[in-house]
Every structure is written in structure tokens, then in C-alpha cells.
Amino acid sequence: MRKLTYFIACSIDGFIGDPGGDASAMVRFVDEEFFEYLRTEYPETLPTHGRRALGLDDLPNKRFDTVIQGRASYDLALKEGITSPYAHLREFVASRTLTESPDPNVEIVSDDLVGRVRELKAEDSPYDIYLCGGSRVAGELAGEIDEMVIKTYPIVLGTGMPMFSAAFPVVEFTLESTRTFRNGAVVRTYSRRR
């Protein structure tokens, strides 16, 4: 069974962006050390257009072959004219309002997101599934999340978009590892306690 991993950046106070979802205040913490960590440990989480610009288009996938994101997260790419932000992965966008995909590599999931994720998890693959965001999709899929990799940047936003924005029962996780960086960023990996 494949794992669904919520790989997410957040502030110290648990926000993944401002109230509109803008996370640009956190970008400055992706310095050379942190970028090297992403490049070597989670290369597939770097968007395709960014990989190309940095000459890293040939990086092989290490952990994931599939990405799931919400409409608001996907809209950030669409505003830049990018219809397939993770072209190196199978892409799924959860949306009840986007009726037609603007790209053949992107499948729109308009209903039964949990059922579709369960189908993806049951596939035979050595790779897991990357849950990119946002908070509503993470809330809807809280019961399916097997692992969380939380990149916490040393910034307090005070208000904004939480990691989860849906009601669900308490879910317990076990801390598997912690890595700290010179710039104050911390990456914590948790596995779901079943």
C-alpha cells in the first residue's frame, strides 16, 4: 500500500500562507543548505518549471510519482501560465469548480476525492503520493494521510491559512525524525499511528 504524504511548509504558528494562501514570506528561508536538502531528499517536490530553470530537469524521482493538490494551490501555477506545475509526476487537482483540465497531464477530481486517493494508494508502485496542499484538501484527506513532512520556517504570521481547514476526528502521529538548518528552519517527519 502506498503512503499519502502531506509535505508542507508552514510558519512557527502553523500557517501555510497568509489568509489568501500566499506563502511568499517563507521563500527566503530556502537558502543554499535548505535547497540542497530538497534537491537530494525530495527532488520531485520542486515544480517542473523551477527544475528546468535551475538545470535540474533530469533529477530522478526518489519518493513520489503522484501529486495531489487543491484548486487554490493549482491556481497559483495557472496565474503564471503554467498548466502542469509537476509535469514530472502524475497530477491530480481536487476541484468542484474546475470542470475541464487545461492540461492533458492534469486530472481533475471533482467528487469522491477520498475514494480516488484510496485507489491511488492501492496501486502497485514503489513510489508514494505527495499531497501538496492546500488546507481544505488536507482536511478532507486527513483520514488518509499516512505521513507528514512539515517544513517549519522561523517566522510568525499571526493569521492565515492553517495546515488543515476541515473538521475531523483527532488523528495521532509519531515523530520519526527532526532536522534543523542553520537558518532556523526545522523539518519534522511524522508517521501516522494506526
C-alpha atoms as a PDB file:
ATOM      1  CA  MET A   1       0.000   0.000   0.000  1.00  0.00           C
ATOM      2  CA  ARG A   2       1.384   3.380  -0.990  1.00  0.00           C
ATOM      3  CA  LYS A   3       1.557   6.222   1.514  1.00  0.00           C
ATOM      4  CA  LEU A   4      -0.062   9.621   1.209  1.00  0.00           C
ATOM      5  CA  THR A   5       2.474  12.181   2.468  1.00  0.00           C
ATOM      6  CA  TYR A   6       1.453  15.718   3.351  1.00  0.00           C
ATOM      7  CA  PHE A   7       4.669  17.585   2.526  1.00  0.00           C
ATOM      8  CA  ILE A   8       4.022  21.149   3.584  1.00  0.00           C
ATOM      9  CA  ALA A   9       5.746  24.397   4.565  1.00  0.00           C
ATOM     10  CA  CYS A  10       4.407  26.423   7.464  1.00  0.00           C
ATOM     11  CA  SER A  11       5.188  29.205   9.884  1.00  0.00           C
ATOM     12  CA  ILE A  12       6.007  28.578  13.549  1.00  0.00           C
ATOM     13  CA  ASP A  13       2.359  29.278  14.341  1.00  0.00           C
ATOM     14  CA  GLY A  14       1.138  26.675  11.854  1.00  0.00           C
ATOM     15  CA  PHE A  15       0.040  28.744   8.858  1.00  0.00           C
ATOM     16  CA  ILE A  16       0.870  27.612   5.308  1.00  0.00           C
ATOM     17  CA  GLY A  17       0.294  31.089   3.919  1.00  0.00           C
ATOM     18  CA  ASP A  18      -1.455  34.358   4.543  1.00  0.00           C
ATOM     19  CA  PRO A  19      -5.293  34.405   4.569  1.00  0.00           C
ATOM     20  CA  GLY A  20      -5.247  34.224   0.746  1.00  0.00           C
ATOM     21  CA  GLY A  21      -2.738  31.356   0.719  1.00  0.00           C
ATOM     22  CA  ASP A  22       0.294  33.427  -0.307  1.00  0.00           C
ATOM     23  CA  ALA A  23       3.400  31.784   1.162  1.00  0.00           C
ATOM     24  CA  SER A  24       5.988  34.073  -0.423  1.00  0.00           C
ATOM     25  CA  ALA A  25       7.151  35.295   3.025  1.00  0.00           C
ATOM     26  CA  MET A  26       8.656  31.828   3.564  1.00  0.00           C
ATOM     27  CA  VAL A  27      10.586  31.593   0.298  1.00  0.00           C
ATOM     28  CA  ARG A  28      13.595  33.470   1.671  1.00  0.00           C
ATOM     29  CA  PHE A  29      14.332  30.555   4.009  1.00  0.00           C
ATOM     30  CA  VAL A  30      15.051  28.249   1.076  1.00  0.00           C
ATOM     31  CA  ASP A  31      18.738  29.098   1.187  1.00  0.00           C
ATOM     32  CA  GLU A  32      21.604  27.031  -0.238  1.00  0.00           C
ATOM     33  CA  GLU A  33      21.619  24.475   2.598  1.00  0.00           C
ATOM     34  CA  PHE A  34      17.847  24.033   2.584  1.00  0.00           C
ATOM     35  CA  PHE A  35      17.649  23.880  -1.203  1.00  0.00           C
ATOM     36  CA  GLU A  36      20.321  21.146  -1.230  1.00  0.00           C
ATOM     37  CA  TYR A  37      18.188  19.180   1.229  1.00  0.00           C
ATOM     38  CA  LEU A  38      15.151  19.476  -1.055  1.00  0.00           C
ATOM     39  CA  ARG A  39      17.195  18.637  -4.153  1.00  0.00           C
ATOM     40  CA  THR A  40      18.689  15.477  -2.639  1.00  0.00           C
ATOM     41  CA  GLU A  41      15.850  14.239  -0.408  1.00  0.00           C
ATOM     42  CA  TYR A  42      12.644  15.442  -2.094  1.00  0.00           C
ATOM     43  CA  PRO A  43      13.537  16.422  -5.681  1.00  0.00           C
ATOM     44  CA  GLU A  44      10.077  15.696  -7.043  1.00  0.00           C
ATOM     45  CA  THR A  45       8.543  18.362  -4.796  1.00  0.00           C
ATOM     46  CA  LEU A  46      10.347  21.036  -6.808  1.00  0.00           C
ATOM     47  CA  PRO A  47       7.976  22.264  -9.541  1.00  0.00           C
ATOM     48  CA  THR A  48       8.935  21.342 -13.100  1.00  0.00           C
ATOM     49  CA  HIS A  49       9.399  24.930 -14.278  1.00  0.00           C
ATOM     50  CA  GLY A  50      11.744  25.594 -11.344  1.00  0.00           C
ATOM     51  CA  ARG A  51      13.725  22.429 -12.024  1.00  0.00           C
ATOM     52  CA  ARG A  52      14.160  23.462 -15.660  1.00  0.00           C
ATOM     53  CA  ALA A  53      15.268  26.970 -14.751  1.00  0.00           C
ATOM     54  CA  LEU A  54      17.901  25.558 -12.395  1.00  0.00           C
ATOM     55  CA  GLY A  55      19.116  22.912 -14.852  1.00  0.00           C
ATOM     56  CA  LEU A  56      17.753  20.105 -12.650  1.00  0.00           C
ATOM     57  CA  ASP A  57      15.193  18.684 -15.057  1.00  0.00           C
ATOM     58  CA  ASP A  58      16.953  15.312 -15.095  1.00  0.00           C
ATOM     59  CA  LEU A  59      16.635  14.695 -11.333  1.00  0.00           C
ATOM     60  CA  PRO A  60      15.050  11.284 -10.816  1.00  0.00           C
ATOM     61  CA  ASN A  61      12.067  10.887  -8.519  1.00  0.00           C
ATOM     62  CA  LYS A  62      13.094   9.484  -5.138  1.00  0.00           C
ATOM     63  CA  ARG A  63       9.871   9.241  -3.151  1.00  0.00           C
ATOM     64  CA  PHE A  64       6.813  10.228  -5.178  1.00  0.00           C
ATOM     65  CA  ASP A  65       5.322   9.600  -8.622  1.00  0.00           C
ATOM     66  CA  THR A  66       1.952  11.266  -7.996  1.00  0.00           C
ATOM     67  CA  VAL A  67       0.886  14.668  -6.663  1.00  0.00           C
ATOM     68  CA  ILE A  68      -2.478  15.843  -5.356  1.00  0.00           C
ATOM     69  CA  GLN A  69      -3.276  19.493  -4.844  1.00  0.00           C
ATOM     70  CA  GLY A  70      -6.291  21.666  -4.329  1.00  0.00           C
ATOM     71  CA  ARG A  71      -7.699  24.205  -6.725  1.00  0.00           C
ATOM     72  CA  ALA A  72      -6.244  27.203  -4.838  1.00  0.00           C
ATOM     73  CA  SER A  73      -2.736  25.688  -4.950  1.00  0.00           C
ATOM     74  CA  TYR A  74      -3.151  24.855  -8.632  1.00  0.00           C
ATOM     75  CA  ASP A  75      -4.396  28.374  -9.358  1.00  0.00           C
ATOM     76  CA  LEU A  76      -1.028  29.779  -8.243  1.00  0.00           C
ATOM     77  CA  ALA A  77       0.573  28.000 -11.206  1.00  0.00           C
ATOM     78  CA  LEU A  78      -2.257  28.845 -13.596  1.00  0.00           C
ATOM     79  CA  LYS A  79      -1.818  32.558 -12.808  1.00  0.00           C
ATOM     80  CA  GLU A  80       1.754  32.188 -14.086  1.00  0.00           C
ATOM     81  CA  GLY A  81       0.547  30.440 -17.262  1.00  0.00           C
ATOM     82  CA  ILE A  82       1.747  27.021 -16.013  1.00  0.00           C
ATOM     83  CA  THR A  83      -0.855  24.329 -16.638  1.00  0.00           C
ATOM     84  CA  SER A  84       1.254  21.371 -15.438  1.00  0.00           C
ATOM     85  CA  PRO A  85       3.364  22.513 -12.463  1.00  0.00           C
ATOM     86  CA  TYR A  86       4.520  18.964 -11.670  1.00  0.00           C
ATOM     87  CA  ALA A  87       4.844  17.535 -15.177  1.00  0.00           C
ATOM     88  CA  HIS A  88       7.405  15.008 -13.883  1.00  0.00           C
ATOM     89  CA  LEU A  89       4.606  13.427 -11.771  1.00  0.00           C
ATOM     90  CA  ARG A  90       1.047  12.225 -12.306  1.00  0.00           C
ATOM     91  CA  GLU A  91      -1.010  15.266 -11.347  1.00  0.00           C
ATOM     92  CA  PHE A  92      -4.419  15.388  -9.707  1.00  0.00           C
ATOM     93  CA  VAL A  93      -6.266  18.566  -8.806  1.00  0.00           C
ATOM     94  CA  ALA A  94      -9.199  18.406  -6.405  1.00  0.00           C
ATOM     95  CA  SER A  95     -11.801  20.901  -7.550  1.00  0.00           C
ATOM     96  CA  ARG A  96     -15.574  21.116  -7.607  1.00  0.00           C
ATOM     97  CA  THR A  97     -15.483  24.229  -9.785  1.00  0.00           C
ATOM     98  CA  LEU A  98     -12.842  23.420 -12.412  1.00  0.00           C
ATOM     99  CA  THR A  99     -14.785  21.225 -14.806  1.00  0.00           C
ATOM    100  CA  GLU A 100     -12.194  20.698 -17.518  1.00  0.00           C
ATOM    101  CA  SER A 101      -8.455  20.217 -17.200  1.00  0.00           C
ATOM    102  CA  PRO A 102      -6.341  22.795 -19.029  1.00  0.00           C
ATOM    103  CA  ASP A 103      -3.569  20.190 -19.472  1.00  0.00           C
ATOM    104  CA  PRO A 104      -3.594  16.518 -20.533  1.00  0.00           C
ATOM    105  CA  ASN A 105      -1.204  15.666 -17.652  1.00  0.00           C
ATOM    106  CA  VAL A 106      -3.637  17.025 -15.022  1.00  0.00           C
ATOM    107  CA  GLU A 107      -6.671  15.016 -13.930  1.00  0.00           C
ATOM    108  CA  ILE A 108      -9.458  16.910 -12.183  1.00  0.00           C
ATOM    109  CA  VAL A 109     -11.088  15.090  -9.256  1.00  0.00           C
ATOM    110  CA  SER A 110     -14.451  16.740  -8.735  1.00  0.00           C
ATOM    111  CA  ASP A 111     -16.119  14.222  -6.440  1.00  0.00           C
ATOM    112  CA  ASP A 112     -15.163  11.400  -4.066  1.00  0.00           C
ATOM    113  CA  LEU A 113     -11.606  12.611  -3.511  1.00  0.00           C
ATOM    114  CA  VAL A 114     -11.151  10.128  -0.661  1.00  0.00           C
ATOM    115  CA  GLY A 115     -12.200   7.243  -2.936  1.00  0.00           C
ATOM    116  CA  ARG A 116      -9.801   8.366  -5.673  1.00  0.00           C
ATOM    117  CA  VAL A 117      -6.933   8.643  -3.187  1.00  0.00           C
ATOM    118  CA  ARG A 118      -7.689   5.148  -1.877  1.00  0.00           C
ATOM    119  CA  GLU A 119      -7.494   3.856  -5.455  1.00  0.00           C
ATOM    120  CA  LEU A 120      -4.138   5.589  -5.941  1.00  0.00           C
ATOM    121  CA  LYS A 121      -2.817   4.198  -2.655  1.00  0.00           C
ATOM    122  CA  ALA A 122      -3.799   0.674  -3.723  1.00  0.00           C
ATOM    123  CA  GLU A 123      -1.782   0.883  -6.952  1.00  0.00           C
ATOM    124  CA  ASP A 124       1.369  -1.185  -7.269  1.00  0.00           C
ATOM    125  CA  SER A 125       4.215   1.321  -7.261  1.00  0.00           C
ATOM    126  CA  PRO A 126       7.497   1.755  -5.397  1.00  0.00           C
ATOM    127  CA  TYR A 127       6.645   5.464  -5.017  1.00  0.00           C
ATOM    128  CA  ASP A 128       4.277   7.250  -2.688  1.00  0.00           C
ATOM    129  CA  ILE A 129       1.805  10.103  -3.203  1.00  0.00           C
ATOM    130  CA  TYR A 130       2.678  13.733  -2.495  1.00  0.00           C
ATOM    131  CA  LEU A 131      -0.110  15.846  -1.010  1.00  0.00           C
ATOM    132  CA  CYS A 132       0.943  19.354  -1.955  1.00  0.00           C
ATOM    133  CA  GLY A 133      -1.892  21.325  -0.377  1.00  0.00           C
ATOM    134  CA  GLY A 134      -3.934  23.252   0.388  1.00  0.00           C
ATOM    135  CA  SER A 135      -5.648  23.280   3.702  1.00  0.00           C
ATOM    136  CA  ARG A 136      -9.139  22.262   2.549  1.00  0.00           C
ATOM    137  CA  VAL A 137      -7.852  19.269   0.595  1.00  0.00           C
ATOM    138  CA  ALA A 138      -5.628  18.269   3.531  1.00  0.00           C
ATOM    139  CA  GLY A 139      -8.627  18.495   5.835  1.00  0.00           C
ATOM    140  CA  GLU A 140     -10.740  16.378   3.521  1.00  0.00           C
ATOM    141  CA  LEU A 141      -7.954  13.794   3.275  1.00  0.00           C
ATOM    142  CA  ALA A 142      -6.897  13.865   6.957  1.00  0.00           C
ATOM    143  CA  GLY A 143      -8.068  10.274   7.432  1.00  0.00           C
ATOM    144  CA  GLU A 144      -5.897   9.105   4.531  1.00  0.00           C
ATOM    145  CA  ILE A 145      -2.655  10.897   5.437  1.00  0.00           C
ATOM    146  CA  ASP A 146      -0.009   8.345   6.416  1.00  0.00           C
ATOM    147  CA  GLU A 147       2.942  10.679   6.826  1.00  0.00           C
ATOM    148  CA  MET A 148       3.523  14.378   7.370  1.00  0.00           C
ATOM    149  CA  VAL A 149       6.742  16.169   6.496  1.00  0.00           C
ATOM    150  CA  ILE A 150       6.410  19.639   7.986  1.00  0.00           C
ATOM    151  CA  LYS A 151       8.931  22.273   6.939  1.00  0.00           C
ATOM    152  CA  THR A 152       8.655  24.921   9.644  1.00  0.00           C
ATOM    153  CA  TYR A 153      10.244  28.258   8.855  1.00  0.00           C
ATOM    154  CA  PRO A 154      11.256  30.685  11.645  1.00  0.00           C
ATOM    155  CA  ILE A 155       8.515  33.196  11.020  1.00  0.00           C
ATOM    156  CA  VAL A 156       5.240  34.003  12.782  1.00  0.00           C
ATOM    157  CA  LEU A 157       2.405  35.098  10.511  1.00  0.00           C
ATOM    158  CA  GLY A 158      -0.195  35.709  13.218  1.00  0.00           C
ATOM    159  CA  THR A 159      -3.055  34.863  10.892  1.00  0.00           C
ATOM    160  CA  GLY A 160      -3.507  32.988   7.687  1.00  0.00           C
ATOM    161  CA  MET A 161      -4.336  29.680   6.068  1.00  0.00           C
ATOM    162  CA  PRO A 162      -3.980  26.788   8.541  1.00  0.00           C
ATOM    163  CA  MET A 163      -2.456  23.418   7.672  1.00  0.00           C
ATOM    164  CA  PHE A 164      -5.941  21.879   7.844  1.00  0.00           C
ATOM    165  CA  SER A 165      -9.283  23.627   7.411  1.00  0.00           C
ATOM    166  CA  ALA A 166     -11.916  20.990   7.991  1.00  0.00           C
ATOM    167  CA  ALA A 167     -13.410  19.219  10.959  1.00  0.00           C
ATOM    168  CA  PHE A 168     -12.215  15.669  11.524  1.00  0.00           C
ATOM    169  CA  PRO A 169     -11.594  13.339  14.478  1.00  0.00           C
ATOM    170  CA  VAL A 170      -8.310  13.539  16.384  1.00  0.00           C
ATOM    171  CA  VAL A 171      -5.520  11.820  14.453  1.00  0.00           C
ATOM    172  CA  GLU A 172      -2.317  10.748  16.198  1.00  0.00           C
ATOM    173  CA  PHE A 173       1.129  10.733  14.627  1.00  0.00           C
ATOM    174  CA  THR A 174       4.546   9.586  15.852  1.00  0.00           C
ATOM    175  CA  LEU A 175       7.610  11.777  15.422  1.00  0.00           C
ATOM    176  CA  GLU A 176      10.094   9.868  13.252  1.00  0.00           C
ATOM    177  CA  SER A 177      12.810  12.456  12.670  1.00  0.00           C
ATOM    178  CA  THR A 178      13.776  16.083  13.084  1.00  0.00           C
ATOM    179  CA  ARG A 179      16.303  18.017  11.063  1.00  0.00           C
ATOM    180  CA  THR A 180      17.391  21.557  11.821  1.00  0.00           C
ATOM    181  CA  PHE A 181      19.058  24.038   9.498  1.00  0.00           C
ATOM    182  CA  ARG A 182      21.429  26.940  10.160  1.00  0.00           C
ATOM    183  CA  ASN A 183      18.757  29.464   9.101  1.00  0.00           C
ATOM    184  CA  GLY A 184      16.376  28.267  11.824  1.00  0.00           C
ATOM    185  CA  ALA A 185      14.170  26.081   9.621  1.00  0.00           C
ATOM    186  CA  VAL A 186      13.147  22.719  11.050  1.00  0.00           C
ATOM    187  CA  VAL A 187      11.817  19.695   9.162  1.00  0.00           C
ATOM    188  CA  ARG A 188       9.824  17.196  11.201  1.00  0.00           C
ATOM    189  CA  THR A 189       8.656  13.878   9.808  1.00  0.00           C
ATOM    190  CA  TYR A 190       5.701  12.136  11.420  1.00  0.00           C
ATOM    191  CA  SER A 191       4.123   8.766  10.678  1.00  0.00           C
ATOM    192  CA  ARG A 192       0.500   8.046  11.358  1.00  0.00           C
ATOM    193  CA  ARG A 193      -0.191   5.966  14.431  1.00  0.00           C
ATOM    194  CA  ARG A 194      -2.629   3.245  13.371  1.00  0.00           C
END
